[in-house]
Amino acid sequence: MQYQTISTTASTALEQNKVLRNTYLMLALTMIPTIIGAAIGTSINFSFMAEHPIMSSLLMFGAMMGMLFAVTALRNSVWGIAALLGFTLLAGVFLGPILQVALHLKNGAQLVGMAAGGTGIIFFGLATIATVTKKDFSFMGKFLFIGVILLLIASLANMFFQIPALSLTISAIAVLIFSAYILFDVSQIVNGGETNYIMATLTLYLDIYNIFVNLLSLLMAFAGEKE
Protein backbone atom coordinates (compact mmCIF):
# COMPACT_ATOMS: atom_id res chain seq x y z
CA MET A 1 0.00 0.00 0.00
CA GLN A 2 2.80 2.41 0.91
CA TYR A 3 4.65 1.53 -2.32
CA GLN A 4 1.49 2.23 -4.34
CA THR A 5 1.08 5.61 -2.64
CA ILE A 6 4.67 6.59 -3.36
CA SER A 7 4.37 5.37 -6.95
CA THR A 8 1.12 7.33 -7.47
CA THR A 9 2.64 10.48 -5.97
CA ALA A 10 5.72 10.17 -8.18
CA SER A 11 3.56 9.60 -11.26
CA THR A 12 1.44 12.66 -10.46
CA ALA A 13 4.54 14.81 -9.96
CA LEU A 14 5.96 13.66 -13.30
CA GLU A 15 2.70 14.48 -15.05
CA GLN A 16 2.58 17.95 -13.49
CA ASN A 17 6.20 18.59 -14.50
CA LYS A 18 5.37 17.46 -18.04
CA VAL A 19 2.42 19.88 -18.24
CA LEU A 20 4.60 22.71 -16.91
CA ARG A 21 7.42 21.93 -19.37
CA ASN A 22 5.04 21.70 -22.34
CA THR A 23 3.37 24.94 -21.26
CA TYR A 24 6.64 26.86 -21.17
CA LEU A 25 7.68 25.44 -24.55
CA MET A 26 4.33 26.37 -26.10
CA LEU A 27 4.45 29.80 -24.44
CA ALA A 28 7.83 30.45 -26.06
CA LEU A 29 6.40 29.31 -29.41
CA THR A 30 3.45 31.73 -29.15
CA MET A 31 5.87 34.65 -29.13
CA ILE A 32 6.67 33.98 -32.83
CA PRO A 33 3.15 34.62 -34.22
CA THR A 34 2.75 37.47 -31.74
CA ILE A 35 5.84 39.25 -33.11
CA ILE A 36 4.71 38.56 -36.70
CA GLY A 37 1.24 39.88 -35.87
CA ALA A 38 2.70 42.97 -34.20
CA ALA A 39 4.80 43.67 -37.31
CA ILE A 40 1.65 43.41 -39.43
CA GLY A 41 -0.28 45.56 -36.98
CA THR A 42 2.23 48.41 -37.06
CA SER A 43 1.82 48.64 -40.85
CA ILE A 44 -2.00 48.76 -40.80
CA ASN A 45 -3.87 52.05 -40.87
CA PHE A 46 -6.00 52.07 -37.72
CA SER A 47 -7.42 55.54 -38.28
CA PHE A 48 -10.95 54.09 -38.14
CA MET A 49 -10.31 53.31 -34.48
CA ALA A 50 -9.83 57.00 -33.71
CA GLU A 51 -13.03 57.82 -35.56
CA HIS A 52 -15.10 55.05 -33.95
CA PRO A 53 -13.26 54.09 -30.73
CA ILE A 54 -16.18 52.35 -29.00
CA MET A 55 -17.29 50.32 -32.01
CA SER A 56 -13.74 49.29 -32.93
CA SER A 57 -12.95 48.29 -29.34
CA LEU A 58 -16.07 46.13 -29.18
CA LEU A 59 -15.21 44.52 -32.53
CA MET A 60 -11.67 43.74 -31.34
CA PHE A 61 -13.04 42.33 -28.08
CA GLY A 62 -15.54 40.18 -30.00
CA ALA A 63 -12.84 38.82 -32.32
CA MET A 64 -10.58 37.97 -29.38
CA MET A 65 -13.43 36.26 -27.50
CA GLY A 66 -14.32 34.24 -30.59
CA MET A 67 -10.76 32.97 -30.88
CA LEU A 68 -10.67 32.23 -27.14
CA PHE A 69 -13.77 30.08 -27.45
CA ALA A 70 -12.19 28.27 -30.42
CA VAL A 71 -9.04 27.47 -28.42
CA THR A 72 -11.15 26.25 -25.49
CA ALA A 73 -13.33 24.06 -27.70
CA LEU A 74 -10.30 22.48 -29.45
CA ARG A 75 -8.03 22.23 -26.38
CA ASN A 76 -7.93 18.41 -26.44
CA SER A 77 -6.83 18.07 -30.06
CA VAL A 78 -3.91 19.14 -32.23
CA TRP A 79 -6.20 21.76 -33.71
CA GLY A 80 -6.11 23.44 -30.33
CA ILE A 81 -2.46 24.29 -30.95
CA ALA A 82 -3.33 25.79 -34.34
CA ALA A 83 -6.16 27.80 -32.76
CA LEU A 84 -3.84 29.00 -30.00
CA LEU A 85 -1.21 30.16 -32.49
CA GLY A 86 -3.94 31.84 -34.55
CA PHE A 87 -5.16 33.63 -31.45
CA THR A 88 -1.67 34.89 -30.61
CA LEU A 89 -1.22 36.08 -34.21
CA LEU A 90 -4.45 38.08 -33.92
CA ALA A 91 -3.42 39.38 -30.50
CA GLY A 92 -0.16 40.56 -32.06
CA VAL A 93 -2.03 42.41 -34.81
CA PHE A 94 -4.15 44.13 -32.16
CA LEU A 95 -0.95 45.43 -30.57
CA GLY A 96 -0.61 47.59 -33.68
CA PRO A 97 -2.42 50.71 -32.42
CA ILE A 98 -0.50 51.04 -29.14
CA LEU A 99 2.81 50.22 -30.84
CA GLN A 100 2.16 52.84 -33.52
CA VAL A 101 1.55 55.47 -30.83
CA ALA A 102 4.64 54.36 -28.91
CA LEU A 103 6.93 54.32 -31.92
CA HIS A 104 5.91 57.88 -32.81
CA LEU A 105 7.47 59.02 -29.56
CA LYS A 106 11.09 60.12 -29.56
CA ASN A 107 12.04 57.31 -27.17
CA GLY A 108 9.28 54.95 -28.31
CA ALA A 109 11.49 51.99 -29.22
CA GLN A 110 13.19 52.25 -25.84
CA LEU A 111 9.83 52.27 -24.05
CA VAL A 112 8.65 49.19 -25.94
CA GLY A 113 11.89 47.44 -24.97
CA MET A 114 11.46 48.50 -21.34
CA ALA A 115 7.87 47.25 -21.30
CA ALA A 116 8.94 43.90 -22.80
CA GLY A 117 11.85 43.60 -20.38
CA GLY A 118 9.72 44.57 -17.40
CA THR A 119 7.08 42.05 -18.40
CA GLY A 120 9.75 39.35 -18.70
CA ILE A 121 11.17 40.14 -15.26
CA ILE A 122 7.71 40.07 -13.68
CA PHE A 123 6.82 36.78 -15.35
CA PHE A 124 10.05 34.90 -14.63
CA GLY A 125 10.21 36.24 -11.07
CA LEU A 126 6.66 35.29 -10.10
CA ALA A 127 6.66 32.02 -12.08
CA THR A 128 9.84 30.99 -10.26
CA ILE A 129 8.29 31.78 -6.88
CA ALA A 130 5.19 29.71 -7.69
CA THR A 131 7.27 26.82 -9.08
CA VAL A 132 9.94 26.65 -6.37
CA THR A 133 7.70 27.19 -3.34
CA LYS A 134 4.87 25.04 -4.78
CA LYS A 135 2.53 27.14 -2.64
CA ASP A 136 -1.15 26.85 -3.49
CA PHE A 137 -2.38 30.27 -4.61
CA SER A 138 -5.84 29.02 -5.55
CA PHE A 139 -7.35 31.11 -2.74
CA MET A 140 -6.65 34.17 -4.93
CA GLY A 141 -8.93 32.98 -7.73
CA LYS A 142 -12.22 34.60 -6.65
CA PHE A 143 -10.60 37.92 -5.76
CA LEU A 144 -8.73 38.08 -9.06
CA PHE A 145 -11.84 37.20 -11.07
CA ILE A 146 -13.80 39.97 -9.35
CA GLY A 147 -10.88 42.33 -10.02
CA VAL A 148 -10.92 41.52 -13.75
CA ILE A 149 -14.70 42.08 -13.93
CA LEU A 150 -14.32 45.48 -12.24
CA LEU A 151 -11.48 46.33 -14.64
CA LEU A 152 -13.67 45.51 -17.63
CA ILE A 153 -16.49 47.64 -16.27
CA ALA A 154 -14.12 50.55 -15.58
CA SER A 155 -12.57 50.20 -19.04
CA LEU A 156 -15.99 50.23 -20.74
CA ALA A 157 -17.00 53.28 -18.70
CA ASN A 158 -13.81 55.08 -19.64
CA MET A 159 -14.57 54.55 -23.33
CA PHE A 160 -17.37 57.08 -22.85
CA PHE A 161 -15.79 59.44 -20.31
CA GLN A 162 -12.19 59.41 -21.63
CA ILE A 163 -10.63 60.40 -18.29
CA PRO A 164 -6.79 60.20 -18.52
CA ALA A 165 -6.34 59.72 -14.75
CA LEU A 166 -8.82 56.83 -14.75
CA SER A 167 -7.04 55.26 -17.71
CA LEU A 168 -3.72 55.34 -15.86
CA THR A 169 -5.33 53.95 -12.73
CA ILE A 170 -6.85 51.09 -14.72
CA SER A 171 -3.47 50.30 -16.29
CA ALA A 172 -1.69 50.30 -12.92
CA ILE A 173 -4.29 48.03 -11.32
CA ALA A 174 -4.25 45.74 -14.39
CA VAL A 175 -0.48 45.24 -14.04
CA LEU A 176 -0.97 44.24 -10.40
CA ILE A 177 -3.92 41.93 -11.08
CA PHE A 178 -2.34 40.08 -14.01
CA SER A 179 0.95 39.79 -12.12
CA ALA A 180 -0.98 38.09 -9.33
CA TYR A 181 -2.63 35.90 -11.96
CA ILE A 182 0.82 34.57 -12.92
CA LEU A 183 1.23 33.25 -9.36
CA PHE A 184 -2.27 31.79 -9.51
CA ASP A 185 -1.96 30.19 -12.96
CA VAL A 186 1.51 28.68 -12.45
CA SER A 187 0.38 27.41 -9.05
CA GLN A 188 -2.57 25.69 -10.75
CA ILE A 189 -0.18 23.83 -13.05
CA VAL A 190 2.34 22.93 -10.33
CA ASN A 191 -0.35 21.66 -7.97
CA GLY A 192 -2.37 19.76 -10.57
CA GLY A 193 -5.27 22.19 -10.89
CA GLU A 194 -4.62 22.60 -14.63
CA THR A 195 -3.64 19.50 -16.63
CA ASN A 196 -4.15 20.76 -20.18
CA TYR A 197 -1.03 22.54 -21.42
CA ILE A 198 -2.90 24.38 -24.18
CA MET A 199 -5.22 26.03 -21.67
CA ALA A 200 -2.31 26.61 -19.30
CA THR A 201 -0.41 28.34 -22.09
CA LEU A 202 -3.44 30.43 -23.00
CA THR A 203 -3.93 31.73 -19.45
CA LEU A 204 -0.26 32.59 -18.99
CA TYR A 205 -0.15 34.24 -22.42
CA LEU A 206 -3.09 36.47 -21.49
CA ASP A 207 -1.32 37.41 -18.25
CA ILE A 208 1.85 38.39 -20.12
CA TYR A 209 -0.07 40.18 -22.89
CA ASN A 210 -2.08 42.31 -20.47
CA ILE A 211 0.94 43.17 -18.34
CA PHE A 212 2.89 44.29 -21.43
CA VAL A 213 0.07 46.44 -22.84
CA ASN A 214 -0.67 48.17 -19.55
CA LEU A 215 2.98 48.58 -18.60
CA LEU A 216 3.67 50.17 -21.98
CA SER A 217 0.70 52.52 -21.47
CA LEU A 218 2.11 53.65 -18.13
CA LEU A 219 5.61 54.13 -19.54
CA MET A 220 4.27 56.20 -22.44
CA ALA A 221 2.27 58.37 -20.05
CA PHE A 222 5.09 59.02 -17.58
CA ALA A 223 8.26 58.72 -19.68
CA GLY A 224 7.19 59.33 -23.27
CA GLU A 225 9.08 62.05 -25.13
CA LYS A 226 7.22 63.67 -28.00
CA GLU A 227 9.06 64.55 -31.18
C-alpha atoms as a PDB file:
ATOM      1  CA  MET A   1       0.000   0.000   0.000  1.00  0.00           C
ATOM      2  CA  GLN A   2       2.800   2.406   0.909  1.00  0.00           C
ATOM      3  CA  TYR A   3       4.648   1.533  -2.323  1.00  0.00           C
ATOM      4  CA  GLN A   4       1.488   2.229  -4.344  1.00  0.00           C
ATOM      5  CA  THR A   5       1.076   5.610  -2.642  1.00  0.00           C
ATOM      6  CA  ILE A   6       4.672   6.588  -3.361  1.00  0.00           C
ATOM      7  CA  SER A   7       4.365   5.375  -6.953  1.00  0.00           C
ATOM      8  CA  THR A   8       1.125   7.329  -7.474  1.00  0.00           C
ATOM      9  CA  THR A   9       2.637  10.476  -5.969  1.00  0.00           C
ATOM     10  CA  ALA A  10       5.722  10.172  -8.176  1.00  0.00           C
ATOM     11  CA  SER A  11       3.558   9.599 -11.265  1.00  0.00           C
ATOM     12  CA  THR A  12       1.441  12.661 -10.457  1.00  0.00           C
ATOM     13  CA  ALA A  13       4.544  14.805  -9.956  1.00  0.00           C
ATOM     14  CA  LEU A  14       5.963  13.661 -13.296  1.00  0.00           C
ATOM     15  CA  GLU A  15       2.698  14.481 -15.050  1.00  0.00           C
ATOM     16  CA  GLN A  16       2.584  17.948 -13.494  1.00  0.00           C
ATOM     17  CA  ASN A  17       6.199  18.593 -14.502  1.00  0.00           C
ATOM     18  CA  LYS A  18       5.365  17.457 -18.039  1.00  0.00           C
ATOM     19  CA  VAL A  19       2.423  19.880 -18.241  1.00  0.00           C
ATOM     20  CA  LEU A  20       4.603  22.714 -16.913  1.00  0.00           C
ATOM     21  CA  ARG A  21       7.415  21.933 -19.366  1.00  0.00           C
ATOM     22  CA  ASN A  22       5.042  21.702 -22.337  1.00  0.00           C
ATOM     23  CA  THR A  23       3.366  24.936 -21.256  1.00  0.00           C
ATOM     24  CA  TYR A  24       6.644  26.863 -21.165  1.00  0.00           C
ATOM     25  CA  LEU A  25       7.683  25.444 -24.548  1.00  0.00           C
ATOM     26  CA  MET A  26       4.333  26.373 -26.097  1.00  0.00           C
ATOM     27  CA  LEU A  27       4.452  29.798 -24.438  1.00  0.00           C
ATOM     28  CA  ALA A  28       7.832  30.450 -26.055  1.00  0.00           C
ATOM     29  CA  LEU A  29       6.401  29.315 -29.413  1.00  0.00           C
ATOM     30  CA  THR A  30       3.453  31.731 -29.148  1.00  0.00           C
ATOM     31  CA  MET A  31       5.867  34.650 -29.130  1.00  0.00           C
ATOM     32  CA  ILE A  32       6.674  33.983 -32.828  1.00  0.00           C
ATOM     33  CA  PRO A  33       3.147  34.622 -34.224  1.00  0.00           C
ATOM     34  CA  THR A  34       2.751  37.473 -31.735  1.00  0.00           C
ATOM     35  CA  ILE A  35       5.835  39.246 -33.113  1.00  0.00           C
ATOM     36  CA  ILE A  36       4.706  38.555 -36.695  1.00  0.00           C
ATOM     37  CA  GLY A  37       1.241  39.876 -35.872  1.00  0.00           C
ATOM     38  CA  ALA A  38       2.699  42.973 -34.198  1.00  0.00           C
ATOM     39  CA  ALA A  39       4.800  43.670 -37.308  1.00  0.00           C
ATOM     40  CA  ILE A  40       1.653  43.407 -39.434  1.00  0.00           C
ATOM     41  CA  GLY A  41      -0.283  45.565 -36.984  1.00  0.00           C
ATOM     42  CA  THR A  42       2.226  48.408 -37.063  1.00  0.00           C
ATOM     43  CA  SER A  43       1.819  48.636 -40.849  1.00  0.00           C
ATOM     44  CA  ILE A  44      -1.997  48.758 -40.797  1.00  0.00           C
ATOM     45  CA  ASN A  45      -3.870  52.054 -40.870  1.00  0.00           C
ATOM     46  CA  PHE A  46      -6.002  52.066 -37.716  1.00  0.00           C
ATOM     47  CA  SER A  47      -7.421  55.540 -38.280  1.00  0.00           C
ATOM     48  CA  PHE A  48     -10.952  54.092 -38.137  1.00  0.00           C
ATOM     49  CA  MET A  49     -10.306  53.315 -34.476  1.00  0.00           C
ATOM     50  CA  ALA A  50      -9.826  56.998 -33.714  1.00  0.00           C
ATOM     51  CA  GLU A  51     -13.034  57.822 -35.564  1.00  0.00           C
ATOM     52  CA  HIS A  52     -15.097  55.047 -33.947  1.00  0.00           C
ATOM     53  CA  PRO A  53     -13.260  54.088 -30.726  1.00  0.00           C
ATOM     54  CA  ILE A  54     -16.184  52.354 -29.000  1.00  0.00           C
ATOM     55  CA  MET A  55     -17.289  50.324 -32.015  1.00  0.00           C
ATOM     56  CA  SER A  56     -13.738  49.287 -32.926  1.00  0.00           C
ATOM     57  CA  SER A  57     -12.953  48.295 -29.335  1.00  0.00           C
ATOM     58  CA  LEU A  58     -16.071  46.130 -29.180  1.00  0.00           C
ATOM     59  CA  LEU A  59     -15.210  44.521 -32.532  1.00  0.00           C
ATOM     60  CA  MET A  60     -11.671  43.740 -31.335  1.00  0.00           C
ATOM     61  CA  PHE A  61     -13.041  42.334 -28.083  1.00  0.00           C
ATOM     62  CA  GLY A  62     -15.537  40.181 -30.003  1.00  0.00           C
ATOM     63  CA  ALA A  63     -12.840  38.824 -32.324  1.00  0.00           C
ATOM     64  CA  MET A  64     -10.580  37.973 -29.376  1.00  0.00           C
ATOM     65  CA  MET A  65     -13.428  36.260 -27.497  1.00  0.00           C
ATOM     66  CA  GLY A  66     -14.321  34.243 -30.588  1.00  0.00           C
ATOM     67  CA  MET A  67     -10.758  32.967 -30.883  1.00  0.00           C
ATOM     68  CA  LEU A  68     -10.666  32.228 -27.145  1.00  0.00           C
ATOM     69  CA  PHE A  69     -13.774  30.076 -27.452  1.00  0.00           C
ATOM     70  CA  ALA A  70     -12.194  28.272 -30.420  1.00  0.00           C
ATOM     71  CA  VAL A  71      -9.043  27.465 -28.423  1.00  0.00           C
ATOM     72  CA  THR A  72     -11.146  26.254 -25.491  1.00  0.00           C
ATOM     73  CA  ALA A  73     -13.325  24.055 -27.703  1.00  0.00           C
ATOM     74  CA  LEU A  74     -10.299  22.479 -29.452  1.00  0.00           C
ATOM     75  CA  ARG A  75      -8.031  22.228 -26.382  1.00  0.00           C
ATOM     76  CA  ASN A  76      -7.930  18.412 -26.437  1.00  0.00           C
ATOM     77  CA  SER A  77      -6.826  18.071 -30.057  1.00  0.00           C
ATOM     78  CA  VAL A  78      -3.911  19.136 -32.229  1.00  0.00           C
ATOM     79  CA  TRP A  79      -6.203  21.765 -33.707  1.00  0.00           C
ATOM     80  CA  GLY A  80      -6.111  23.442 -30.326  1.00  0.00           C
ATOM     81  CA  ILE A  81      -2.458  24.293 -30.952  1.00  0.00           C
ATOM     82  CA  ALA A  82      -3.335  25.787 -34.344  1.00  0.00           C
ATOM     83  CA  ALA A  83      -6.163  27.798 -32.765  1.00  0.00           C
ATOM     84  CA  LEU A  84      -3.838  29.004 -29.997  1.00  0.00           C
ATOM     85  CA  LEU A  85      -1.212  30.157 -32.494  1.00  0.00           C
ATOM     86  CA  GLY A  86      -3.943  31.839 -34.549  1.00  0.00           C
ATOM     87  CA  PHE A  87      -5.159  33.626 -31.446  1.00  0.00           C
ATOM     88  CA  THR A  88      -1.669  34.886 -30.609  1.00  0.00           C
ATOM     89  CA  LEU A  89      -1.221  36.080 -34.212  1.00  0.00           C
ATOM     90  CA  LEU A  90      -4.454  38.078 -33.924  1.00  0.00           C
ATOM     91  CA  ALA A  91      -3.417  39.380 -30.500  1.00  0.00           C
ATOM     92  CA  GLY A  92      -0.158  40.555 -32.063  1.00  0.00           C
ATOM     93  CA  VAL A  93      -2.026  42.410 -34.811  1.00  0.00           C
ATOM     94  CA  PHE A  94      -4.149  44.131 -32.159  1.00  0.00           C
ATOM     95  CA  LEU A  95      -0.953  45.434 -30.574  1.00  0.00           C
ATOM     96  CA  GLY A  96      -0.613  47.593 -33.681  1.00  0.00           C
ATOM     97  CA  PRO A  97      -2.424  50.714 -32.416  1.00  0.00           C
ATOM     98  CA  ILE A  98      -0.503  51.040 -29.141  1.00  0.00           C
ATOM     99  CA  LEU A  99       2.811  50.219 -30.837  1.00  0.00           C
ATOM    100  CA  GLN A 100       2.157  52.843 -33.523  1.00  0.00           C
ATOM    101  CA  VAL A 101       1.546  55.465 -30.829  1.00  0.00           C
ATOM    102  CA  ALA A 102       4.635  54.356 -28.908  1.00  0.00           C
ATOM    103  CA  LEU A 103       6.929  54.321 -31.923  1.00  0.00           C
ATOM    104  CA  HIS A 104       5.909  57.880 -32.811  1.00  0.00           C
ATOM    105  CA  LEU A 105       7.469  59.021 -29.564  1.00  0.00           C
ATOM    106  CA  LYS A 106      11.093  60.123 -29.558  1.00  0.00           C
ATOM    107  CA  ASN A 107      12.039  57.309 -27.170  1.00  0.00           C
ATOM    108  CA  GLY A 108       9.280  54.952 -28.312  1.00  0.00           C
ATOM    109  CA  ALA A 109      11.491  51.990 -29.218  1.00  0.00           C
ATOM    110  CA  GLN A 110      13.192  52.248 -25.842  1.00  0.00           C
ATOM    111  CA  LEU A 111       9.829  52.274 -24.048  1.00  0.00           C
ATOM    112  CA  VAL A 112       8.655  49.193 -25.945  1.00  0.00           C
ATOM    113  CA  GLY A 113      11.886  47.440 -24.966  1.00  0.00           C
ATOM    114  CA  MET A 114      11.461  48.500 -21.343  1.00  0.00           C
ATOM    115  CA  ALA A 115       7.868  47.247 -21.299  1.00  0.00           C
ATOM    116  CA  ALA A 116       8.940  43.904 -22.797  1.00  0.00           C
ATOM    117  CA  GLY A 117      11.855  43.604 -20.382  1.00  0.00           C
ATOM    118  CA  GLY A 118       9.725  44.573 -17.400  1.00  0.00           C
ATOM    119  CA  THR A 119       7.078  42.050 -18.404  1.00  0.00           C
ATOM    120  CA  GLY A 120       9.745  39.347 -18.700  1.00  0.00           C
ATOM    121  CA  ILE A 121      11.168  40.143 -15.262  1.00  0.00           C
ATOM    122  CA  ILE A 122       7.707  40.066 -13.676  1.00  0.00           C
ATOM    123  CA  PHE A 123       6.823  36.777 -15.354  1.00  0.00           C
ATOM    124  CA  PHE A 124      10.046  34.905 -14.626  1.00  0.00           C
ATOM    125  CA  GLY A 125      10.213  36.235 -11.074  1.00  0.00           C
ATOM    126  CA  LEU A 126       6.662  35.289 -10.101  1.00  0.00           C
ATOM    127  CA  ALA A 127       6.658  32.019 -12.077  1.00  0.00           C
ATOM    128  CA  THR A 128       9.840  30.989 -10.265  1.00  0.00           C
ATOM    129  CA  ILE A 129       8.294  31.780  -6.882  1.00  0.00           C
ATOM    130  CA  ALA A 130       5.191  29.711  -7.688  1.00  0.00           C
ATOM    131  CA  THR A 131       7.267  26.816  -9.077  1.00  0.00           C
ATOM    132  CA  VAL A 132       9.939  26.646  -6.371  1.00  0.00           C
ATOM    133  CA  THR A 133       7.697  27.194  -3.340  1.00  0.00           C
ATOM    134  CA  LYS A 134       4.868  25.044  -4.777  1.00  0.00           C
ATOM    135  CA  LYS A 135       2.527  27.139  -2.641  1.00  0.00           C
ATOM    136  CA  ASP A 136      -1.146  26.845  -3.485  1.00  0.00           C
ATOM    137  CA  PHE A 137      -2.378  30.266  -4.614  1.00  0.00           C
ATOM    138  CA  SER A 138      -5.844  29.023  -5.554  1.00  0.00           C
ATOM    139  CA  PHE A 139      -7.347  31.113  -2.743  1.00  0.00           C
ATOM    140  CA  MET A 140      -6.653  34.171  -4.926  1.00  0.00           C
ATOM    141  CA  GLY A 141      -8.933  32.980  -7.730  1.00  0.00           C
ATOM    142  CA  LYS A 142     -12.222  34.597  -6.646  1.00  0.00           C
ATOM    143  CA  PHE A 143     -10.605  37.921  -5.762  1.00  0.00           C
ATOM    144  CA  LEU A 144      -8.729  38.079  -9.061  1.00  0.00           C
ATOM    145  CA  PHE A 145     -11.839  37.199 -11.067  1.00  0.00           C
ATOM    146  CA  ILE A 146     -13.800  39.972  -9.350  1.00  0.00           C
ATOM    147  CA  GLY A 147     -10.877  42.325 -10.021  1.00  0.00           C
ATOM    148  CA  VAL A 148     -10.922  41.525 -13.751  1.00  0.00           C
ATOM    149  CA  ILE A 149     -14.695  42.081 -13.932  1.00  0.00           C
ATOM    150  CA  LEU A 150     -14.319  45.477 -12.239  1.00  0.00           C
ATOM    151  CA  LEU A 151     -11.475  46.327 -14.635  1.00  0.00           C
ATOM    152  CA  LEU A 152     -13.671  45.508 -17.635  1.00  0.00           C
ATOM    153  CA  ILE A 153     -16.492  47.645 -16.267  1.00  0.00           C
ATOM    154  CA  ALA A 154     -14.120  50.553 -15.578  1.00  0.00           C
ATOM    155  CA  SER A 155     -12.570  50.199 -19.045  1.00  0.00           C
ATOM    156  CA  LEU A 156     -15.987  50.231 -20.737  1.00  0.00           C
ATOM    157  CA  ALA A 157     -17.004  53.278 -18.695  1.00  0.00           C
ATOM    158  CA  ASN A 158     -13.809  55.084 -19.641  1.00  0.00           C
ATOM    159  CA  MET A 159     -14.566  54.547 -23.332  1.00  0.00           C
ATOM    160  CA  PHE A 160     -17.373  57.076 -22.852  1.00  0.00           C
ATOM    161  CA  PHE A 161     -15.794  59.437 -20.307  1.00  0.00           C
ATOM    162  CA  GLN A 162     -12.193  59.408 -21.634  1.00  0.00           C
ATOM    163  CA  ILE A 163     -10.630  60.398 -18.293  1.00  0.00           C
ATOM    164  CA  PRO A 164      -6.794  60.198 -18.517  1.00  0.00           C
ATOM    165  CA  ALA A 165      -6.342  59.721 -14.748  1.00  0.00           C
ATOM    166  CA  LEU A 166      -8.819  56.831 -14.747  1.00  0.00           C
ATOM    167  CA  SER A 167      -7.044  55.258 -17.712  1.00  0.00           C
ATOM    168  CA  LEU A 168      -3.719  55.343 -15.864  1.00  0.00           C
ATOM    169  CA  THR A 169      -5.329  53.947 -12.726  1.00  0.00           C
ATOM    170  CA  ILE A 170      -6.850  51.091 -14.717  1.00  0.00           C
ATOM    171  CA  SER A 171      -3.472  50.300 -16.290  1.00  0.00           C
ATOM    172  CA  ALA A 172      -1.689  50.304 -12.918  1.00  0.00           C
ATOM    173  CA  ILE A 173      -4.287  48.029 -11.325  1.00  0.00           C
ATOM    174  CA  ALA A 174      -4.247  45.743 -14.388  1.00  0.00           C
ATOM    175  CA  VAL A 175      -0.484  45.244 -14.043  1.00  0.00           C
ATOM    176  CA  LEU A 176      -0.974  44.237 -10.401  1.00  0.00           C
ATOM    177  CA  ILE A 177      -3.920  41.927 -11.083  1.00  0.00           C
ATOM    178  CA  PHE A 178      -2.339  40.075 -14.009  1.00  0.00           C
ATOM    179  CA  SER A 179       0.950  39.794 -12.124  1.00  0.00           C
ATOM    180  CA  ALA A 180      -0.981  38.089  -9.331  1.00  0.00           C
ATOM    181  CA  TYR A 181      -2.635  35.902 -11.964  1.00  0.00           C
ATOM    182  CA  ILE A 182       0.822  34.567 -12.919  1.00  0.00           C
ATOM    183  CA  LEU A 183       1.227  33.255  -9.364  1.00  0.00           C
ATOM    184  CA  PHE A 184      -2.274  31.785  -9.508  1.00  0.00           C
ATOM    185  CA  ASP A 185      -1.960  30.186 -12.961  1.00  0.00           C
ATOM    186  CA  VAL A 186       1.510  28.680 -12.448  1.00  0.00           C
ATOM    187  CA  SER A 187       0.379  27.406  -9.049  1.00  0.00           C
ATOM    188  CA  GLN A 188      -2.573  25.695 -10.747  1.00  0.00           C
ATOM    189  CA  ILE A 189      -0.180  23.834 -13.046  1.00  0.00           C
ATOM    190  CA  VAL A 190       2.335  22.933 -10.331  1.00  0.00           C
ATOM    191  CA  ASN A 191      -0.351  21.660  -7.968  1.00  0.00           C
ATOM    192  CA  GLY A 192      -2.375  19.760 -10.571  1.00  0.00           C
ATOM    193  CA  GLY A 193      -5.273  22.191 -10.887  1.00  0.00           C
ATOM    194  CA  GLU A 194      -4.621  22.598 -14.632  1.00  0.00           C
ATOM    195  CA  THR A 195      -3.642  19.504 -16.625  1.00  0.00           C
ATOM    196  CA  ASN A 196      -4.151  20.765 -20.176  1.00  0.00           C
ATOM    197  CA  TYR A 197      -1.028  22.538 -21.416  1.00  0.00           C
ATOM    198  CA  ILE A 198      -2.904  24.377 -24.184  1.00  0.00           C
ATOM    199  CA  MET A 199      -5.224  26.026 -21.665  1.00  0.00           C
ATOM    200  CA  ALA A 200      -2.313  26.607 -19.297  1.00  0.00           C
ATOM    201  CA  THR A 201      -0.412  28.338 -22.092  1.00  0.00           C
ATOM    202  CA  LEU A 202      -3.443  30.431 -22.996  1.00  0.00           C
ATOM    203  CA  THR A 203      -3.934  31.729 -19.453  1.00  0.00           C
ATOM    204  CA  LEU A 204      -0.263  32.592 -18.990  1.00  0.00           C
ATOM    205  CA  TYR A 205      -0.147  34.237 -22.419  1.00  0.00           C
ATOM    206  CA  LEU A 206      -3.085  36.467 -21.486  1.00  0.00           C
ATOM    207  CA  ASP A 207      -1.316  37.413 -18.251  1.00  0.00           C
ATOM    208  CA  ILE A 208       1.846  38.389 -20.121  1.00  0.00           C
ATOM    209  CA  TYR A 209      -0.072  40.185 -22.886  1.00  0.00           C
ATOM    210  CA  ASN A 210      -2.078  42.313 -20.473  1.00  0.00           C
ATOM    211  CA  ILE A 211       0.940  43.174 -18.341  1.00  0.00           C
ATOM    212  CA  PHE A 212       2.886  44.287 -21.430  1.00  0.00           C
ATOM    213  CA  VAL A 213       0.072  46.444 -22.839  1.00  0.00           C
ATOM    214  CA  ASN A 214      -0.671  48.174 -19.549  1.00  0.00           C
ATOM    215  CA  LEU A 215       2.978  48.576 -18.596  1.00  0.00           C
ATOM    216  CA  LEU A 216       3.666  50.175 -21.978  1.00  0.00           C
ATOM    217  CA  SER A 217       0.698  52.519 -21.475  1.00  0.00           C
ATOM    218  CA  LEU A 218       2.114  53.648 -18.129  1.00  0.00           C
ATOM    219  CA  LEU A 219       5.607  54.134 -19.541  1.00  0.00           C
ATOM    220  CA  MET A 220       4.275  56.203 -22.435  1.00  0.00           C
ATOM    221  CA  ALA A 221       2.266  58.369 -20.047  1.00  0.00           C
ATOM    222  CA  PHE A 222       5.091  59.024 -17.582  1.00  0.00           C
ATOM    223  CA  ALA A 223       8.255  58.717 -19.676  1.00  0.00           C
ATOM    224  CA  GLY A 224       7.186  59.329 -23.272  1.00  0.00           C
ATOM    225  CA  GLU A 225       9.081  62.050 -25.128  1.00  0.00           C
ATOM    226  CA  LYS A 226       7.220  63.669 -28.004  1.00  0.00           C
ATOM    227  CA  GLU A 227       9.064  64.548 -31.179  1.00  0.00           C
END
